[in-house]
């Protein structure tokens, strides 16, 4: 009996040591909002319907994810993350791929971090820093403006390396295998340099999406730059983001030539967060533009739950103004 108790105690000690060296976290987001837009024909970033019907929609991507880390000793750690997206209003998954949002494995240590798999692009992080709505709700600038609507938010088949944080300065480089022999296609590539310390944020990102450029354009490569600068004055965080770029088809002909300015601000008001932006995207091939204004107020009920209300309106050259709003609740775990 004593030997059995001793064996159990030893096994328990080993189990405790193993648990201390590795961990897996389950996390997620559930978001639902009452939404409505008019039937204007202008492109309105963040709109979840194409008519003026009332809707009950997610305004931020609902998700379920798993992330983990294992201590390998000597400061070296193994890390992974997989994330599933779904439509909270119907329960259906967002994509045919179960873990299309993120699915990567990597190593980190004093040298920085490497990741292999499907992950966000370096330019995305700089563009996201220029949107006070975080690419969510009808108020957002989103990828339609800050990434010109011609770039993917993530690369599949990618390898990325991020440097250690050197006094607020980091750099991130990412390359993806194109996995095709089609003529004219390029291996997707991206990089950024970011300084973030105290109230100041400065970021510069570049991306050539290669064959992962959205297929609707008929493009096989892109060349896009994004720069974002912001400063937190205490009473408000104010910033400006600028993106410029082109997309080409296999014949080297431009199928997109666009640039975008986004002026934005966040301000703590009444215990919540007041958000606002004005974005203008120019299309140089068609001499048209889209002007977008967004404003919203997000109020935390706890560290994990908030309620929000947003308004977005956009006017596109040659199209009728489109305006919409959302009122919702979001829970994070």
C-alpha atoms as a PDB file:
ATOM      1  CA  UNK A   1       0.000   0.000   0.000  1.00  0.00           C
ATOM      2  CA  UNK A   2       2.811   2.387   0.904  1.00  0.00           C
ATOM      3  CA  UNK A   3       4.619   1.539  -2.365  1.00  0.00           C
ATOM      4  CA  UNK A   4       1.445   2.263  -4.347  1.00  0.00           C
ATOM      5  CA  UNK A   5       1.005   5.599  -2.627  1.00  0.00           C
ATOM      6  CA  UNK A   6       4.659   6.461  -3.304  1.00  0.00           C
ATOM      7  CA  UNK A   7       4.285   5.548  -6.985  1.00  0.00           C
ATOM      8  CA  UNK A   8       1.196   7.718  -7.307  1.00  0.00           C
ATOM      9  CA  UNK A   9       2.983  10.618  -5.653  1.00  0.00           C
ATOM     10  CA  UNK A  10       5.933  10.294  -8.060  1.00  0.00           C
ATOM     11  CA  UNK A  11       3.599  10.130 -11.071  1.00  0.00           C
ATOM     12  CA  UNK A  12       1.741  13.182  -9.791  1.00  0.00           C
ATOM     13  CA  UNK A  13       5.002  15.104  -9.473  1.00  0.00           C
ATOM     14  CA  UNK A  14       5.965  14.262 -13.059  1.00  0.00           C
ATOM     15  CA  UNK A  15       2.495  15.239 -14.309  1.00  0.00           C
ATOM     16  CA  UNK A  16       2.758  18.553 -12.498  1.00  0.00           C
ATOM     17  CA  UNK A  17       6.162  19.227 -14.035  1.00  0.00           C
ATOM     18  CA  UNK A  18       4.831  18.417 -17.510  1.00  0.00           C
ATOM     19  CA  UNK A  19       1.848  20.721 -17.008  1.00  0.00           C
ATOM     20  CA  UNK A  20       4.156  23.523 -15.925  1.00  0.00           C
ATOM     21  CA  UNK A  21       6.201  23.145 -19.123  1.00  0.00           C
ATOM     22  CA  UNK A  22       3.340  23.135 -21.645  1.00  0.00           C
ATOM     23  CA  UNK A  23      -0.164  24.525 -21.950  1.00  0.00           C
ATOM     24  CA  UNK A  24      -3.128  24.605 -24.322  1.00  0.00           C
ATOM     25  CA  UNK A  25      -5.678  27.414 -24.232  1.00  0.00           C
ATOM     26  CA  UNK A  26      -9.189  27.349 -25.702  1.00  0.00           C
ATOM     27  CA  UNK A  27     -10.421  30.788 -26.742  1.00  0.00           C
ATOM     28  CA  UNK A  28     -13.179  32.307 -28.823  1.00  0.00           C
ATOM     29  CA  UNK A  29     -15.481  35.157 -29.717  1.00  0.00           C
ATOM     30  CA  UNK A  30     -19.275  35.318 -30.084  1.00  0.00           C
ATOM     31  CA  UNK A  31     -20.681  38.428 -31.736  1.00  0.00           C
ATOM     32  CA  UNK A  32     -24.243  39.273 -32.788  1.00  0.00           C
ATOM     33  CA  UNK A  33     -25.857  42.541 -33.869  1.00  0.00           C
ATOM     34  CA  UNK A  34     -29.079  43.936 -35.254  1.00  0.00           C
ATOM     35  CA  UNK A  35     -28.164  45.516 -38.598  1.00  0.00           C
ATOM     36  CA  UNK A  36     -29.763  47.525 -41.372  1.00  0.00           C
ATOM     37  CA  UNK A  37     -28.639  49.429 -44.453  1.00  0.00           C
ATOM     38  CA  UNK A  38     -30.469  51.266 -47.180  1.00  0.00           C
ATOM     39  CA  UNK A  39     -30.433  49.963 -50.755  1.00  0.00           C
ATOM     40  CA  UNK A  40     -27.715  52.317 -51.985  1.00  0.00           C
ATOM     41  CA  UNK A  41     -25.291  50.898 -54.564  1.00  0.00           C
ATOM     42  CA  UNK A  42     -22.021  52.313 -53.188  1.00  0.00           C
ATOM     43  CA  UNK A  43     -19.462  49.904 -51.710  1.00  0.00           C
ATOM     44  CA  UNK A  44     -19.842  50.054 -47.915  1.00  0.00           C
ATOM     45  CA  UNK A  45     -17.081  48.240 -45.998  1.00  0.00           C
ATOM     46  CA  UNK A  46     -18.503  46.139 -43.159  1.00  0.00           C
ATOM     47  CA  UNK A  47     -22.048  45.862 -44.548  1.00  0.00           C
ATOM     48  CA  UNK A  48     -23.345  42.314 -44.067  1.00  0.00           C
ATOM     49  CA  UNK A  49     -26.294  42.422 -46.507  1.00  0.00           C
ATOM     50  CA  UNK A  50     -26.914  43.700 -50.032  1.00  0.00           C
ATOM     51  CA  UNK A  51     -30.424  45.081 -49.485  1.00  0.00           C
ATOM     52  CA  UNK A  52     -32.276  47.272 -46.999  1.00  0.00           C
ATOM     53  CA  UNK A  53     -33.670  44.272 -45.081  1.00  0.00           C
ATOM     54  CA  UNK A  54     -33.254  44.021 -41.318  1.00  0.00           C
ATOM     55  CA  UNK A  55     -30.623  41.488 -40.311  1.00  0.00           C
ATOM     56  CA  UNK A  56     -29.220  39.682 -37.297  1.00  0.00           C
ATOM     57  CA  UNK A  57     -25.563  39.254 -38.203  1.00  0.00           C
ATOM     58  CA  UNK A  58     -22.101  38.987 -36.709  1.00  0.00           C
ATOM     59  CA  UNK A  59     -20.192  42.255 -37.026  1.00  0.00           C
ATOM     60  CA  UNK A  60     -16.936  40.704 -35.798  1.00  0.00           C
ATOM     61  CA  UNK A  61     -15.845  37.230 -36.868  1.00  0.00           C
ATOM     62  CA  UNK A  62     -17.153  34.651 -34.397  1.00  0.00           C
ATOM     63  CA  UNK A  63     -14.499  32.009 -33.759  1.00  0.00           C
ATOM     64  CA  UNK A  64     -13.244  29.061 -31.754  1.00  0.00           C
ATOM     65  CA  UNK A  65      -9.509  28.557 -31.406  1.00  0.00           C
ATOM     66  CA  UNK A  66      -6.811  26.525 -29.718  1.00  0.00           C
ATOM     67  CA  UNK A  67      -3.314  27.816 -28.997  1.00  0.00           C
ATOM     68  CA  UNK A  68      -0.534  26.096 -27.137  1.00  0.00           C
ATOM     69  CA  UNK A  69       3.088  26.276 -26.137  1.00  0.00           C
ATOM     70  CA  UNK A  70       5.683  23.824 -24.880  1.00  0.00           C
ATOM     71  CA  UNK A  71       8.876  24.724 -23.028  1.00  0.00           C
ATOM     72  CA  UNK A  72      11.728  22.886 -24.771  1.00  0.00           C
ATOM     73  CA  UNK A  73      14.384  24.212 -22.404  1.00  0.00           C
ATOM     74  CA  UNK A  74      17.108  26.782 -22.856  1.00  0.00           C
ATOM     75  CA  UNK A  75      14.588  29.508 -23.648  1.00  0.00           C
ATOM     76  CA  UNK A  76      13.260  27.609 -26.674  1.00  0.00           C
ATOM     77  CA  UNK A  77       9.502  27.063 -27.016  1.00  0.00           C
ATOM     78  CA  UNK A  78       7.281  25.219 -29.499  1.00  0.00           C
ATOM     79  CA  UNK A  79       4.038  27.027 -30.346  1.00  0.00           C
ATOM     80  CA  UNK A  80       0.907  26.349 -32.360  1.00  0.00           C
ATOM     81  CA  UNK A  81      -2.441  27.939 -33.147  1.00  0.00           C
ATOM     82  CA  UNK A  82      -5.520  26.743 -35.026  1.00  0.00           C
ATOM     83  CA  UNK A  83      -8.654  28.855 -35.384  1.00  0.00           C
ATOM     84  CA  UNK A  84     -12.104  28.060 -36.783  1.00  0.00           C
ATOM     85  CA  UNK A  85     -14.581  30.708 -37.964  1.00  0.00           C
ATOM     86  CA  UNK A  86     -18.348  30.304 -38.033  1.00  0.00           C
ATOM     87  CA  UNK A  87     -21.483  32.361 -38.613  1.00  0.00           C
ATOM     88  CA  UNK A  88     -23.004  32.877 -35.205  1.00  0.00           C
ATOM     89  CA  UNK A  89     -26.474  33.633 -36.610  1.00  0.00           C
ATOM     90  CA  UNK A  90     -26.827  30.233 -38.341  1.00  0.00           C
ATOM     91  CA  UNK A  91     -24.086  28.072 -36.817  1.00  0.00           C
ATOM     92  CA  UNK A  92     -22.661  27.365 -40.274  1.00  0.00           C
ATOM     93  CA  UNK A  93     -18.898  27.518 -40.747  1.00  0.00           C
ATOM     94  CA  UNK A  94     -17.599  30.543 -42.634  1.00  0.00           C
ATOM     95  CA  UNK A  95     -15.449  28.576 -45.065  1.00  0.00           C
ATOM     96  CA  UNK A  96     -15.267  25.046 -46.415  1.00  0.00           C
ATOM     97  CA  UNK A  97     -11.926  24.759 -44.611  1.00  0.00           C
ATOM     98  CA  UNK A  98     -12.342  24.109 -40.891  1.00  0.00           C
ATOM     99  CA  UNK A  99      -9.306  26.113 -39.794  1.00  0.00           C
ATOM    100  CA  UNK A 100      -8.912  28.605 -42.659  1.00  0.00           C
ATOM    101  CA  UNK A 101      -8.455  31.537 -40.262  1.00  0.00           C
ATOM    102  CA  UNK A 102      -5.096  30.452 -38.826  1.00  0.00           C
ATOM    103  CA  UNK A 103      -3.262  27.155 -38.697  1.00  0.00           C
ATOM    104  CA  UNK A 104       0.436  27.311 -37.916  1.00  0.00           C
ATOM    105  CA  UNK A 105       3.213  25.727 -35.849  1.00  0.00           C
ATOM    106  CA  UNK A 106       6.540  27.295 -34.924  1.00  0.00           C
ATOM    107  CA  UNK A 107       9.408  27.960 -32.541  1.00  0.00           C
ATOM    108  CA  UNK A 108      10.310  31.014 -30.448  1.00  0.00           C
ATOM    109  CA  UNK A 109      13.206  32.072 -28.267  1.00  0.00           C
ATOM    110  CA  UNK A 110      15.863  34.709 -27.877  1.00  0.00           C
ATOM    111  CA  UNK A 111      16.298  34.725 -31.671  1.00  0.00           C
ATOM    112  CA  UNK A 112      12.689  35.808 -32.242  1.00  0.00           C
ATOM    113  CA  UNK A 113       9.905  33.622 -33.655  1.00  0.00           C
ATOM    114  CA  UNK A 114       9.332  31.482 -36.746  1.00  0.00           C
ATOM    115  CA  UNK A 115       5.947  30.178 -37.935  1.00  0.00           C
ATOM    116  CA  UNK A 116       4.965  27.749 -40.681  1.00  0.00           C
ATOM    117  CA  UNK A 117       1.421  27.362 -42.054  1.00  0.00           C
ATOM    118  CA  UNK A 118      -1.485  29.757 -42.634  1.00  0.00           C
ATOM    119  CA  UNK A 119      -0.999  33.098 -40.901  1.00  0.00           C
ATOM    120  CA  UNK A 120      -1.715  36.816 -41.148  1.00  0.00           C
ATOM    121  CA  UNK A 121       0.470  38.756 -43.596  1.00  0.00           C
ATOM    122  CA  UNK A 122       2.981  41.361 -42.342  1.00  0.00           C
ATOM    123  CA  UNK A 123       1.211  44.197 -44.198  1.00  0.00           C
ATOM    124  CA  UNK A 124      -2.097  43.259 -42.547  1.00  0.00           C
ATOM    125  CA  UNK A 125      -0.760  44.197 -39.099  1.00  0.00           C
ATOM    126  CA  UNK A 126       0.233  47.685 -40.280  1.00  0.00           C
ATOM    127  CA  UNK A 127      -3.105  48.165 -42.061  1.00  0.00           C
ATOM    128  CA  UNK A 128      -5.044  46.936 -39.009  1.00  0.00           C
ATOM    129  CA  UNK A 129      -3.288  49.511 -36.817  1.00  0.00           C
ATOM    130  CA  UNK A 130      -4.870  52.159 -39.069  1.00  0.00           C
ATOM    131  CA  UNK A 131      -8.458  51.077 -38.372  1.00  0.00           C
ATOM    132  CA  UNK A 132      -9.925  52.005 -34.946  1.00  0.00           C
ATOM    133  CA  UNK A 133     -12.712  49.441 -35.498  1.00  0.00           C
ATOM    134  CA  UNK A 134     -10.161  46.626 -35.906  1.00  0.00           C
ATOM    135  CA  UNK A 135     -11.662  45.526 -39.264  1.00  0.00           C
ATOM    136  CA  UNK A 136     -14.991  44.886 -37.447  1.00  0.00           C
ATOM    137  CA  UNK A 137     -18.519  46.382 -37.618  1.00  0.00           C
ATOM    138  CA  UNK A 138     -20.068  48.634 -40.220  1.00  0.00           C
ATOM    139  CA  UNK A 139     -17.844  51.521 -39.131  1.00  0.00           C
ATOM    140  CA  UNK A 140     -14.626  49.887 -40.340  1.00  0.00           C
ATOM    141  CA  UNK A 141     -12.217  50.883 -43.084  1.00  0.00           C
ATOM    142  CA  UNK A 142     -11.251  47.218 -43.302  1.00  0.00           C
ATOM    143  CA  UNK A 143      -9.361  45.442 -46.053  1.00  0.00           C
ATOM    144  CA  UNK A 144     -11.596  47.153 -48.642  1.00  0.00           C
ATOM    145  CA  UNK A 145      -9.833  50.447 -47.884  1.00  0.00           C
ATOM    146  CA  UNK A 146      -6.635  49.846 -45.912  1.00  0.00           C
ATOM    147  CA  UNK A 147      -5.613  46.932 -48.166  1.00  0.00           C
ATOM    148  CA  UNK A 148      -7.260  48.396 -51.284  1.00  0.00           C
ATOM    149  CA  UNK A 149      -9.501  45.356 -51.741  1.00  0.00           C
ATOM    150  CA  UNK A 150      -6.738  43.613 -53.709  1.00  0.00           C
ATOM    151  CA  UNK A 151      -4.819  41.811 -50.958  1.00  0.00           C
ATOM    152  CA  UNK A 152      -5.472  38.696 -48.882  1.00  0.00           C
ATOM    153  CA  UNK A 153      -5.426  39.111 -45.106  1.00  0.00           C
ATOM    154  CA  UNK A 154      -3.527  35.807 -44.698  1.00  0.00           C
ATOM    155  CA  UNK A 155      -1.040  33.694 -46.640  1.00  0.00           C
ATOM    156  CA  UNK A 156      -1.351  29.936 -46.914  1.00  0.00           C
ATOM    157  CA  UNK A 157       1.770  27.740 -47.217  1.00  0.00           C
ATOM    158  CA  UNK A 158       3.824  30.441 -45.502  1.00  0.00           C
ATOM    159  CA  UNK A 159       7.075  30.707 -43.570  1.00  0.00           C
ATOM    160  CA  UNK A 160       7.546  33.793 -41.400  1.00  0.00           C
ATOM    161  CA  UNK A 161      10.236  35.169 -39.118  1.00  0.00           C
ATOM    162  CA  UNK A 162       9.762  37.941 -36.544  1.00  0.00           C
ATOM    163  CA  UNK A 163      12.687  39.574 -34.778  1.00  0.00           C
ATOM    164  CA  UNK A 164      12.865  40.056 -31.002  1.00  0.00           C
ATOM    165  CA  UNK A 165      11.450  43.331 -29.701  1.00  0.00           C
ATOM    166  CA  UNK A 166      14.371  45.792 -29.608  1.00  0.00           C
ATOM    167  CA  UNK A 167      13.170  48.758 -27.552  1.00  0.00           C
ATOM    168  CA  UNK A 168       9.827  48.810 -29.351  1.00  0.00           C
ATOM    169  CA  UNK A 169      11.243  48.025 -32.809  1.00  0.00           C
ATOM    170  CA  UNK A 170      10.337  44.765 -34.582  1.00  0.00           C
ATOM    171  CA  UNK A 171      10.540  43.415 -38.130  1.00  0.00           C
ATOM    172  CA  UNK A 172       8.526  40.613 -39.735  1.00  0.00           C
ATOM    173  CA  UNK A 173       9.292  38.794 -43.012  1.00  0.00           C
ATOM    174  CA  UNK A 174       7.025  36.210 -44.645  1.00  0.00           C
ATOM    175  CA  UNK A 175       7.275  34.139 -47.841  1.00  0.00           C
ATOM    176  CA  UNK A 176       4.786  31.563 -49.129  1.00  0.00           C
ATOM    177  CA  UNK A 177       5.221  28.701 -51.568  1.00  0.00           C
ATOM    178  CA  UNK A 178       3.109  29.353 -54.680  1.00  0.00           C
ATOM    179  CA  UNK A 179       2.671  25.589 -55.249  1.00  0.00           C
ATOM    180  CA  UNK A 180       1.921  26.094 -58.944  1.00  0.00           C
ATOM    181  CA  UNK A 181       3.858  26.204 -62.218  1.00  0.00           C
ATOM    182  CA  UNK A 182       1.388  28.579 -63.903  1.00  0.00           C
ATOM    183  CA  UNK A 183       3.114  31.173 -66.054  1.00  0.00           C
ATOM    184  CA  UNK A 184       3.645  34.590 -64.499  1.00  0.00           C
ATOM    185  CA  UNK A 185       2.867  33.592 -60.908  1.00  0.00           C
ATOM    186  CA  UNK A 186       5.161  34.668 -58.094  1.00  0.00           C
ATOM    187  CA  UNK A 187       5.819  33.332 -54.610  1.00  0.00           C
ATOM    188  CA  UNK A 188       3.808  35.546 -52.217  1.00  0.00           C
ATOM    189  CA  UNK A 189       6.063  37.755 -50.097  1.00  0.00           C
ATOM    190  CA  UNK A 190       5.540  40.348 -47.380  1.00  0.00           C
ATOM    191  CA  UNK A 191       7.473  42.312 -44.762  1.00  0.00           C
ATOM    192  CA  UNK A 192       6.973  45.026 -42.186  1.00  0.00           C
ATOM    193  CA  UNK A 193       8.914  47.223 -39.789  1.00  0.00           C
ATOM    194  CA  UNK A 194       7.058  48.506 -36.722  1.00  0.00           C
ATOM    195  CA  UNK A 195       7.978  50.845 -33.887  1.00  0.00           C
ATOM    196  CA  UNK A 196       5.515  50.754 -30.989  1.00  0.00           C
ATOM    197  CA  UNK A 197       6.508  52.190 -27.623  1.00  0.00           C
ATOM    198  CA  UNK A 198       4.598  54.409 -25.237  1.00  0.00           C
ATOM    199  CA  UNK A 199       2.070  56.582 -27.052  1.00  0.00           C
ATOM    200  CA  UNK A 200       3.746  56.344 -30.489  1.00  0.00           C
ATOM    201  CA  UNK A 201       3.074  53.829 -33.268  1.00  0.00           C
ATOM    202  CA  UNK A 202       4.854  53.838 -36.640  1.00  0.00           C
ATOM    203  CA  UNK A 203       4.544  51.017 -39.144  1.00  0.00           C
ATOM    204  CA  UNK A 204       5.530  50.302 -42.747  1.00  0.00           C
ATOM    205  CA  UNK A 205       4.453  47.191 -44.647  1.00  0.00           C
ATOM    206  CA  UNK A 206       4.976  45.738 -48.145  1.00  0.00           C
ATOM    207  CA  UNK A 207       3.239  42.859 -49.899  1.00  0.00           C
ATOM    208  CA  UNK A 208       3.315  41.018 -53.206  1.00  0.00           C
ATOM    209  CA  UNK A 209       0.488  38.497 -52.914  1.00  0.00           C
ATOM    210  CA  UNK A 210       1.561  36.555 -56.015  1.00  0.00           C
ATOM    211  CA  UNK A 211      -0.917  33.840 -56.954  1.00  0.00           C
ATOM    212  CA  UNK A 212      -2.822  34.404 -53.684  1.00  0.00           C
ATOM    213  CA  UNK A 213      -4.166  37.735 -54.961  1.00  0.00           C
ATOM    214  CA  UNK A 214      -8.002  37.580 -54.891  1.00  0.00           C
ATOM    215  CA  UNK A 215      -9.068  35.620 -57.980  1.00  0.00           C
ATOM    216  CA  UNK A 216     -11.855  38.061 -58.903  1.00  0.00           C
ATOM    217  CA  UNK A 217      -9.234  40.505 -60.162  1.00  0.00           C
ATOM    218  CA  UNK A 218      -7.687  38.017 -62.585  1.00  0.00           C
ATOM    219  CA  UNK A 219      -4.307  39.080 -61.168  1.00  0.00           C
ATOM    220  CA  UNK A 220      -1.217  36.963 -60.558  1.00  0.00           C
ATOM    221  CA  UNK A 221       0.828  39.498 -58.586  1.00  0.00           C
ATOM    222  CA  UNK A 222       0.525  42.715 -56.626  1.00  0.00           C
ATOM    223  CA  UNK A 223       2.820  45.395 -55.311  1.00  0.00           C
ATOM    224  CA  UNK A 224       1.372  47.247 -52.320  1.00  0.00           C
ATOM    225  CA  UNK A 225       2.795  49.516 -49.614  1.00  0.00           C
ATOM    226  CA  UNK A 226       1.063  50.595 -46.394  1.00  0.00           C
ATOM    227  CA  UNK A 227       2.241  53.131 -43.807  1.00  0.00           C
ATOM    228  CA  UNK A 228       0.480  53.930 -40.518  1.00  0.00           C
ATOM    229  CA  UNK A 229       1.306  56.467 -37.854  1.00  0.00           C
ATOM    230  CA  UNK A 230      -0.585  57.151 -34.623  1.00  0.00           C
ATOM    231  CA  UNK A 231      -0.086  58.979 -31.352  1.00  0.00           C
ATOM    232  CA  UNK A 232      -2.033  58.605 -28.104  1.00  0.00           C
ATOM    233  CA  UNK A 233      -2.508  62.019 -26.521  1.00  0.00           C
ATOM    234  CA  UNK A 234      -4.384  60.544 -23.553  1.00  0.00           C
ATOM    235  CA  UNK A 235      -7.672  62.236 -24.367  1.00  0.00           C
ATOM    236  CA  UNK A 236      -7.579  60.570 -27.820  1.00  0.00           C
ATOM    237  CA  UNK A 237      -5.455  58.364 -30.079  1.00  0.00           C
ATOM    238  CA  UNK A 238      -5.197  59.989 -33.514  1.00  0.00           C
ATOM    239  CA  UNK A 239      -3.565  58.626 -36.644  1.00  0.00           C
ATOM    240  CA  UNK A 240      -3.260  58.409 -40.399  1.00  0.00           C
ATOM    241  CA  UNK A 241      -2.833  55.391 -42.665  1.00  0.00           C
ATOM    242  CA  UNK A 242      -1.883  55.416 -46.371  1.00  0.00           C
ATOM    243  CA  UNK A 243      -1.869  52.505 -48.819  1.00  0.00           C
ATOM    244  CA  UNK A 244      -0.873  52.475 -52.486  1.00  0.00           C
ATOM    245  CA  UNK A 245      -0.540  49.602 -54.914  1.00  0.00           C
ATOM    246  CA  UNK A 246      -1.176  47.827 -58.195  1.00  0.00           C
ATOM    247  CA  UNK A 247      -2.240  44.373 -59.358  1.00  0.00           C
ATOM    248  CA  UNK A 248      -1.198  42.798 -62.663  1.00  0.00           C
ATOM    249  CA  UNK A 249      -2.483  39.887 -64.746  1.00  0.00           C
ATOM    250  CA  UNK A 250      -0.307  37.212 -66.349  1.00  0.00           C
ATOM    251  CA  UNK A 251       0.295  39.489 -69.336  1.00  0.00           C
ATOM    252  CA  UNK A 252       1.720  42.253 -67.143  1.00  0.00           C
ATOM    253  CA  UNK A 253      -1.339  44.471 -67.644  1.00  0.00           C
ATOM    254  CA  UNK A 254      -2.616  46.463 -64.653  1.00  0.00           C
ATOM    255  CA  UNK A 255      -6.026  45.264 -63.436  1.00  0.00           C
ATOM    256  CA  UNK A 256      -5.986  47.496 -60.341  1.00  0.00           C
ATOM    257  CA  UNK A 257      -4.218  50.768 -59.516  1.00  0.00           C
ATOM    258  CA  UNK A 258      -5.477  52.185 -56.231  1.00  0.00           C
ATOM    259  CA  UNK A 259      -4.541  54.237 -53.195  1.00  0.00           C
ATOM    260  CA  UNK A 260      -6.314  54.994 -49.903  1.00  0.00           C
ATOM    261  CA  UNK A 261      -6.079  57.493 -47.054  1.00  0.00           C
ATOM    262  CA  UNK A 262      -7.652  56.745 -43.657  1.00  0.00           C
ATOM    263  CA  UNK A 263      -7.790  59.402 -40.942  1.00  0.00           C
ATOM    264  CA  UNK A 264      -8.860  57.881 -37.620  1.00  0.00           C
ATOM    265  CA  UNK A 265      -9.285  58.476 -33.889  1.00  0.00           C
ATOM    266  CA  UNK A 266     -10.218  56.674 -30.647  1.00  0.00           C
ATOM    267  CA  UNK A 267     -11.263  58.527 -27.503  1.00  0.00           C
ATOM    268  CA  UNK A 268     -12.202  57.241 -24.020  1.00  0.00           C
ATOM    269  CA  UNK A 269     -15.663  58.660 -23.283  1.00  0.00           C
ATOM    270  CA  UNK A 270     -17.975  57.745 -20.382  1.00  0.00           C
ATOM    271  CA  UNK A 271     -16.145  54.515 -19.608  1.00  0.00           C
ATOM    272  CA  UNK A 272     -16.360  53.358 -23.226  1.00  0.00           C
ATOM    273  CA  UNK A 273     -14.487  53.872 -26.508  1.00  0.00           C
ATOM    274  CA  UNK A 274     -15.633  56.409 -29.101  1.00  0.00           C
ATOM    275  CA  UNK A 275     -14.312  55.515 -32.564  1.00  0.00           C
ATOM    276  CA  UNK A 276     -14.314  57.461 -35.826  1.00  0.00           C
ATOM    277  CA  UNK A 277     -12.666  57.397 -39.249  1.00  0.00           C
ATOM    278  CA  UNK A 278     -12.793  58.952 -42.683  1.00  0.00           C
ATOM    279  CA  UNK A 279     -11.352  56.954 -45.598  1.00  0.00           C
ATOM    280  CA  UNK A 280     -10.972  57.746 -49.299  1.00  0.00           C
ATOM    281  CA  UNK A 281     -10.025  55.042 -51.826  1.00  0.00           C
ATOM    282  CA  UNK A 282      -9.108  56.198 -55.354  1.00  0.00           C
ATOM    283  CA  UNK A 283      -9.205  53.910 -58.402  1.00  0.00           C
ATOM    284  CA  UNK A 284      -6.782  55.382 -60.936  1.00  0.00           C
ATOM    285  CA  UNK A 285      -7.814  52.991 -63.726  1.00  0.00           C
ATOM    286  CA  UNK A 286     -11.435  54.192 -63.695  1.00  0.00           C
ATOM    287  CA  UNK A 287     -10.982  57.666 -62.183  1.00  0.00           C
ATOM    288  CA  UNK A 288     -13.472  56.851 -59.421  1.00  0.00           C
ATOM    289  CA  UNK A 289     -13.324  56.956 -55.646  1.00  0.00           C
ATOM    290  CA  UNK A 290     -15.111  55.718 -52.510  1.00  0.00           C
ATOM    291  CA  UNK A 291     -15.465  58.044 -49.536  1.00  0.00           C
ATOM    292  CA  UNK A 292     -16.321  56.242 -46.270  1.00  0.00           C
ATOM    293  CA  UNK A 293     -17.218  57.719 -42.868  1.00  0.00           C
ATOM    294  CA  UNK A 294     -17.623  55.556 -39.775  1.00  0.00           C
ATOM    295  CA  UNK A 295     -18.415  56.334 -36.155  1.00  0.00           C
ATOM    296  CA  UNK A 296     -19.216  54.081 -33.211  1.00  0.00           C
ATOM    297  CA  UNK A 297     -19.313  53.684 -29.451  1.00  0.00           C
ATOM    298  CA  UNK A 298     -18.202  50.467 -27.721  1.00  0.00           C
ATOM    299  CA  UNK A 299     -18.944  50.046 -24.008  1.00  0.00           C
ATOM    300  CA  UNK A 300     -17.454  47.228 -21.872  1.00  0.00           C
ATOM    301  CA  UNK A 301     -19.811  45.482 -19.452  1.00  0.00           C
ATOM    302  CA  UNK A 302     -16.836  43.449 -18.169  1.00  0.00           C
ATOM    303  CA  UNK A 303     -13.335  42.504 -19.316  1.00  0.00           C
ATOM    304  CA  UNK A 304     -14.827  39.995 -21.742  1.00  0.00           C
ATOM    305  CA  UNK A 305     -18.231  41.390 -22.754  1.00  0.00           C
ATOM    306  CA  UNK A 306     -19.163  44.633 -24.490  1.00  0.00           C
ATOM    307  CA  UNK A 307     -22.123  46.270 -26.220  1.00  0.00           C
ATOM    308  CA  UNK A 308     -21.714  48.558 -29.209  1.00  0.00           C
ATOM    309  CA  UNK A 309     -23.441  50.727 -31.798  1.00  0.00           C
ATOM    310  CA  UNK A 310     -21.937  51.910 -35.090  1.00  0.00           C
ATOM    311  CA  UNK A 311     -22.877  53.948 -38.134  1.00  0.00           C
ATOM    312  CA  UNK A 312     -21.242  53.744 -41.557  1.00  0.00           C
ATOM    313  CA  UNK A 313     -21.909  55.659 -44.762  1.00  0.00           C
ATOM    314  CA  UNK A 314     -20.138  55.591 -48.135  1.00  0.00           C
ATOM    315  CA  UNK A 315     -20.446  57.388 -51.478  1.00  0.00           C
ATOM    316  CA  UNK A 316     -18.879  55.906 -54.602  1.00  0.00           C
ATOM    317  CA  UNK A 317     -18.488  57.759 -57.879  1.00  0.00           C
ATOM    318  CA  UNK A 318     -21.467  57.008 -60.098  1.00  0.00           C
ATOM    319  CA  UNK A 319     -23.394  55.159 -57.374  1.00  0.00           C
ATOM    320  CA  UNK A 320     -26.023  56.008 -54.764  1.00  0.00           C
ATOM    321  CA  UNK A 321     -24.938  56.615 -51.166  1.00  0.00           C
ATOM    322  CA  UNK A 322     -25.220  53.596 -48.904  1.00  0.00           C
ATOM    323  CA  UNK A 323     -25.703  54.027 -45.143  1.00  0.00           C
ATOM    324  CA  UNK A 324     -26.190  51.489 -42.382  1.00  0.00           C
ATOM    325  CA  UNK A 325     -25.972  50.858 -38.654  1.00  0.00           C
ATOM    326  CA  UNK A 326     -25.471  48.025 -36.178  1.00  0.00           C
ATOM    327  CA  UNK A 327     -26.313  47.531 -32.492  1.00  0.00           C
ATOM    328  CA  UNK A 328     -24.768  44.457 -30.926  1.00  0.00           C
ATOM    329  CA  UNK A 329     -23.136  42.495 -28.144  1.00  0.00           C
ATOM    330  CA  UNK A 330     -19.806  40.677 -28.126  1.00  0.00           C
ATOM    331  CA  UNK A 331     -18.405  38.113 -25.678  1.00  0.00           C
ATOM    332  CA  UNK A 332     -14.806  36.915 -25.658  1.00  0.00           C
ATOM    333  CA  UNK A 333     -13.508  33.906 -23.745  1.00  0.00           C
END
